[in-house]
Amino acid sequence: MATHTICPVDESGDARGSSARSLVNLADVAARCTPESCGATATVTTGEAAADPPAAVTHPDLTSLVSVQWESGEGPIQTALASGRPVTSDDLLHDDRWPAYRTEALEAGVRSSTTLPYLRDGLAVTVTVYSFRPGLTADPGDCAAAALGDLAATGLARDRNYRRALAEVGRLDAALRSRPIVDQACGIMMYVLRCDADEAFGMLRRLSQRTNRKLHDLAAAVVETRGRGLERELRGLREENGARGREARGAQR
């Protein structure tokens, strides 16, 4: 088997850092563990649309075999993802299921391929091995590449969930940090409008939406100015709310 050079097609989105290395290692080991393989590719996709999802290839010539499938919307990768089952082409010289993919493969000298899909928590990983000869098979039951793919898919899904959890912690932390300044702004608005806390917060939120400013930034401005300059706008909002309430009550009668 030829010496492989790992060449990530893309390392954006969910395939950054350690995830990118996992995808690259997956393609490399899949090629090395599959008899008569001339190379391999690995891809990862999510439910979010992406024109060119992250992928790794063991040789630059295989890049086009991945890209043409995303561009044409058909190929063994899409077929495997749709069915959740391995997809094998014993001889692309006589297999016309995916014309664009077939053309690219034959131009690269590829005669057969097998694609193995792995679905984990909304994440879809595929491993495809290729051969210059017809008849390449990669049985998930006794294939080392299949076992590695299963582990890699689980690891990528775990990394993705971990990043999501970190992002949520960051949002909660930001919310906790901004709460005191929002409470201060509500106190000022309660004084200006002679209203209770619930109405003050509702007014602050509506003013944030009207001015297209973040709630925290608006609250900080209210605190900094002690509410000066906002009296007219706040009273205008309050009058609008009162008018809407009267209309709603009138419609119910």
Protein backbone atom coordinates (compact mmCIF):
# COMPACT_ATOMS: atom_id res chain seq x y z
CA MET A 1 0.00 0.00 0.00
CA ALA A 2 1.29 3.44 -0.90
CA THR A 3 2.52 5.86 1.73
CA HIS A 4 -0.33 8.13 2.82
CA THR A 5 -0.30 11.87 3.26
CA ILE A 6 -3.12 13.13 5.44
CA CYS A 7 -4.88 16.08 3.85
CA PRO A 8 -7.92 17.54 5.63
CA VAL A 9 -10.39 19.00 3.14
CA ASP A 10 -11.84 21.26 5.82
CA GLU A 11 -11.44 21.70 9.54
CA SER A 12 -14.31 24.10 10.21
CA GLY A 13 -17.44 23.67 12.29
CA ASP A 14 -17.53 20.64 14.53
CA ALA A 15 -14.28 19.17 13.20
CA ARG A 16 -11.82 21.56 14.80
CA GLY A 17 -8.94 20.80 17.13
CA SER A 18 -9.04 17.30 18.56
CA SER A 19 -12.10 16.48 16.43
CA ALA A 20 -10.15 17.30 13.27
CA ARG A 21 -7.31 15.04 14.38
CA SER A 22 -9.79 12.26 15.10
CA LEU A 23 -11.20 12.53 11.59
CA VAL A 24 -7.74 12.54 10.03
CA ASN A 25 -6.61 9.55 12.08
CA LEU A 26 -9.79 7.71 11.21
CA ALA A 27 -9.16 8.03 7.46
CA ASP A 28 -5.51 7.07 7.81
CA VAL A 29 -6.07 3.95 9.94
CA ALA A 30 -9.06 2.86 7.83
CA ALA A 31 -6.86 2.82 4.75
CA ARG A 32 -4.06 0.96 6.50
CA CYS A 33 -6.36 -1.65 8.02
CA THR A 34 -8.23 -2.52 4.82
CA PRO A 35 -6.54 -5.05 2.53
CA GLU A 36 -6.04 -3.87 -1.06
CA SER A 37 -7.14 -0.34 -0.17
CA CYS A 38 -5.48 2.53 -2.04
CA GLY A 39 -6.81 5.20 0.32
CA ALA A 40 -9.69 6.35 2.48
CA THR A 41 -11.82 9.36 3.34
CA ALA A 42 -13.74 10.29 6.47
CA THR A 43 -16.53 12.86 6.77
CA VAL A 44 -18.63 14.30 9.55
CA THR A 45 -21.97 16.07 9.13
CA THR A 46 -24.69 17.38 11.40
CA GLY A 47 -28.32 18.29 10.93
CA GLU A 48 -27.20 21.79 9.94
CA ALA A 49 -26.84 22.43 6.23
CA ALA A 50 -23.28 22.84 4.96
CA ALA A 51 -22.10 23.19 1.38
CA ASP A 52 -18.79 21.43 2.08
CA PRO A 53 -18.84 19.52 5.39
CA PRO A 54 -15.56 18.72 7.19
CA ALA A 55 -13.65 15.78 5.75
CA ALA A 56 -10.23 14.12 5.78
CA VAL A 57 -8.53 12.25 2.95
CA THR A 58 -5.40 10.12 2.78
CA HIS A 59 -4.40 11.46 -0.61
CA PRO A 60 -5.18 14.78 -2.36
CA ASP A 61 -6.60 12.95 -5.38
CA LEU A 62 -9.43 11.65 -3.20
CA THR A 63 -10.62 15.17 -2.31
CA SER A 64 -12.63 15.45 -5.51
CA LEU A 65 -14.44 12.18 -4.75
CA VAL A 66 -15.83 13.72 -1.58
CA SER A 67 -16.54 17.17 -3.03
CA VAL A 68 -18.38 15.87 -6.09
CA GLN A 69 -20.86 14.08 -3.84
CA TRP A 70 -21.78 17.24 -1.94
CA GLU A 71 -22.00 19.18 -5.20
CA SER A 72 -24.15 16.63 -7.06
CA GLY A 73 -26.20 15.62 -4.03
CA GLU A 74 -25.66 11.93 -4.67
CA GLY A 75 -23.06 9.24 -4.10
CA PRO A 76 -22.18 6.41 -1.75
CA ILE A 77 -21.80 8.78 1.22
CA GLN A 78 -25.32 10.20 0.82
CA THR A 79 -26.74 6.74 0.14
CA ALA A 80 -25.09 5.31 3.26
CA LEU A 81 -26.28 8.22 5.42
CA ALA A 82 -29.83 7.92 4.11
CA SER A 83 -30.05 4.17 4.69
CA GLY A 84 -27.82 3.91 7.75
CA ARG A 85 -26.19 0.87 6.15
CA PRO A 86 -22.85 0.20 4.39
CA VAL A 87 -22.78 0.93 0.66
CA THR A 88 -20.41 -0.97 -1.64
CA SER A 89 -19.63 -0.54 -5.29
CA ASP A 90 -17.89 -3.71 -6.48
CA ASP A 91 -16.83 -2.25 -9.82
CA LEU A 92 -17.47 1.39 -10.76
CA LEU A 93 -16.75 0.52 -14.36
CA HIS A 94 -20.17 -1.18 -14.42
CA ASP A 95 -21.95 0.74 -11.63
CA ASP A 96 -23.96 3.71 -12.93
CA ARG A 97 -25.84 4.65 -9.73
CA TRP A 98 -23.95 7.93 -9.24
CA PRO A 99 -22.74 9.30 -12.62
CA ALA A 100 -20.76 12.29 -11.29
CA TYR A 101 -19.05 10.28 -8.56
CA ARG A 102 -18.36 7.42 -10.94
CA THR A 103 -16.67 9.75 -13.44
CA GLU A 104 -14.41 11.31 -10.78
CA ALA A 105 -13.53 7.91 -9.34
CA LEU A 106 -12.61 6.33 -12.65
CA GLU A 107 -10.51 9.36 -13.60
CA ALA A 108 -8.62 8.86 -10.33
CA GLY A 109 -8.17 5.17 -11.13
CA VAL A 110 -10.58 4.00 -8.43
CA ARG A 111 -12.57 0.88 -9.37
CA SER A 112 -14.36 -0.02 -6.13
CA SER A 113 -15.28 1.49 -2.78
CA THR A 114 -17.13 0.77 0.45
CA THR A 115 -18.73 3.44 2.67
CA LEU A 116 -19.55 2.75 6.32
CA PRO A 117 -21.92 5.15 8.17
CA TYR A 118 -22.07 5.87 11.91
CA LEU A 119 -24.88 7.94 13.49
CA ARG A 120 -24.46 9.35 17.00
CA ASP A 121 -26.57 12.05 18.72
CA GLY A 122 -27.32 14.00 15.55
CA LEU A 123 -23.77 13.53 14.24
CA ALA A 124 -23.15 11.45 11.11
CA VAL A 125 -19.67 10.07 10.42
CA THR A 126 -18.72 8.12 7.30
CA VAL A 127 -15.61 6.14 6.42
CA THR A 128 -15.00 5.26 2.78
CA VAL A 129 -12.19 2.99 1.59
CA TYR A 130 -11.15 2.79 -2.06
CA SER A 131 -9.29 0.36 -4.28
CA PHE A 132 -7.69 0.48 -7.72
CA ARG A 133 -9.11 -3.02 -8.24
CA PRO A 134 -12.73 -4.21 -8.37
CA GLY A 135 -14.21 -6.21 -5.52
CA LEU A 136 -13.09 -4.22 -2.47
CA THR A 137 -15.17 -5.06 0.61
CA ALA A 138 -15.11 -3.79 4.19
CA ASP A 139 -17.38 -5.94 6.29
CA PRO A 140 -18.49 -4.06 9.42
CA GLY A 141 -18.56 -7.35 11.30
CA ASP A 142 -14.83 -8.09 11.10
CA CYS A 143 -13.26 -4.91 9.77
CA ALA A 144 -10.81 -2.96 11.97
CA ALA A 145 -11.77 0.24 10.13
CA ALA A 146 -15.41 -0.34 11.09
CA ALA A 147 -14.55 -0.73 14.77
CA LEU A 148 -12.42 2.39 14.67
CA GLY A 149 -15.20 4.29 12.91
CA ASP A 150 -17.63 3.34 15.65
CA LEU A 151 -15.24 4.62 18.33
CA ALA A 152 -14.47 7.80 16.39
CA ALA A 153 -18.15 8.62 15.88
CA THR A 154 -18.79 8.20 19.60
CA GLY A 155 -15.81 10.40 20.44
CA LEU A 156 -16.80 13.14 17.98
CA ALA A 157 -20.35 13.19 19.32
CA ARG A 158 -19.03 13.41 22.89
CA ASP A 159 -16.73 16.31 21.94
CA ARG A 160 -19.60 18.11 20.23
CA ASN A 161 -21.87 17.73 23.27
CA TYR A 162 -19.04 18.92 25.53
CA ARG A 163 -18.56 22.09 23.46
CA ARG A 164 -22.29 22.73 23.57
CA ALA A 165 -22.28 22.34 27.34
CA LEU A 166 -19.37 24.80 27.64
CA ALA A 167 -21.22 27.30 25.46
CA GLU A 168 -24.33 26.99 27.62
CA VAL A 169 -22.26 27.51 30.77
CA GLY A 170 -20.80 30.63 29.17
CA ARG A 171 -24.26 31.98 28.38
CA LEU A 172 -25.48 31.29 31.91
CA ASP A 173 -22.40 32.95 33.37
CA ALA A 174 -22.96 36.02 31.20
CA ALA A 175 -26.60 36.13 32.30
CA LEU A 176 -25.61 35.94 35.98
CA ARG A 177 -23.02 38.66 35.53
CA SER A 178 -25.50 40.95 33.78
CA ARG A 179 -28.32 40.43 36.29
CA PRO A 180 -27.16 43.01 38.88
CA ILE A 181 -26.92 45.80 36.30
CA VAL A 182 -30.36 44.87 34.93
CA ASP A 183 -31.82 44.99 38.46
CA GLN A 184 -30.30 48.44 38.99
CA ALA A 185 -31.77 49.67 35.71
CA CYS A 186 -35.20 48.30 36.68
CA GLY A 187 -34.95 50.15 40.01
CA ILE A 188 -34.28 53.42 38.19
CA MET A 189 -37.18 52.80 35.82
CA MET A 190 -39.48 52.01 38.74
CA TYR A 191 -38.62 55.41 40.17
CA VAL A 192 -39.03 57.25 36.85
CA LEU A 193 -42.31 55.56 35.89
CA ARG A 194 -43.69 54.95 39.39
CA CYS A 195 -44.32 51.31 38.50
CA ASP A 196 -43.61 47.90 39.99
CA ALA A 197 -40.63 45.62 39.20
CA ASP A 198 -42.44 43.43 36.68
CA GLU A 199 -43.58 46.40 34.61
CA ALA A 200 -40.13 48.00 34.77
CA PHE A 201 -38.44 44.84 33.48
CA GLY A 202 -41.07 44.45 30.74
CA MET A 203 -40.50 48.04 29.64
CA LEU A 204 -36.73 47.56 29.62
CA ARG A 205 -37.06 44.44 27.50
CA ARG A 206 -39.40 46.13 24.99
CA LEU A 207 -37.11 49.13 24.78
CA SER A 208 -34.24 46.74 24.07
CA GLN A 209 -36.20 45.18 21.21
CA ARG A 210 -37.28 48.56 19.82
CA THR A 211 -33.77 50.00 19.80
CA ASN A 212 -32.12 46.70 18.75
CA ARG A 213 -29.72 46.85 21.68
CA LYS A 214 -28.68 44.05 23.99
CA LEU A 215 -30.55 44.08 27.28
CA HIS A 216 -27.33 44.29 29.30
CA ASP A 217 -25.96 47.18 27.22
CA LEU A 218 -29.24 49.11 27.51
CA ALA A 219 -29.41 48.49 31.25
CA ALA A 220 -25.82 49.74 31.65
CA ALA A 221 -26.72 52.93 29.78
CA VAL A 222 -29.77 53.47 31.99
CA VAL A 223 -27.65 53.06 35.13
CA GLU A 224 -24.88 55.31 33.82
CA THR A 225 -27.30 58.15 32.96
CA ARG A 226 -29.61 57.47 35.91
CA GLY A 227 -32.43 57.29 33.40
CA ARG A 228 -31.97 60.86 32.19
CA GLY A 229 -33.20 61.31 28.61
CA LEU A 230 -35.32 58.16 28.69
CA GLU A 231 -38.35 59.57 30.47
CA ARG A 232 -40.22 60.58 27.33
CA GLU A 233 -39.53 57.34 25.47
CA LEU A 234 -40.40 55.21 28.48
CA ARG A 235 -43.66 57.04 29.05
CA GLY A 236 -44.43 56.69 25.34
CA LEU A 237 -43.96 52.93 25.58
CA ARG A 238 -46.13 52.84 28.65
CA GLU A 239 -48.91 54.73 26.89
CA GLU A 240 -48.70 52.35 23.90
CA ASN A 241 -49.01 49.37 26.21
CA GLY A 242 -51.99 50.97 27.92
CA ALA A 243 -53.68 51.61 24.58
CA ARG A 244 -53.13 47.99 23.51
CA GLY A 245 -54.56 46.79 26.79
CA ARG A 246 -57.67 48.93 26.38
CA GLU A 247 -58.14 47.66 22.81
CA ALA A 248 -57.80 44.07 23.96
CA ARG A 249 -60.34 44.56 26.73
CA GLY A 250 -62.72 46.27 24.31
CA ALA A 251 -62.46 43.37 21.85
CA GLN A 252 -63.36 40.91 24.61
CA ARG A 253 -66.61 42.73 25.44
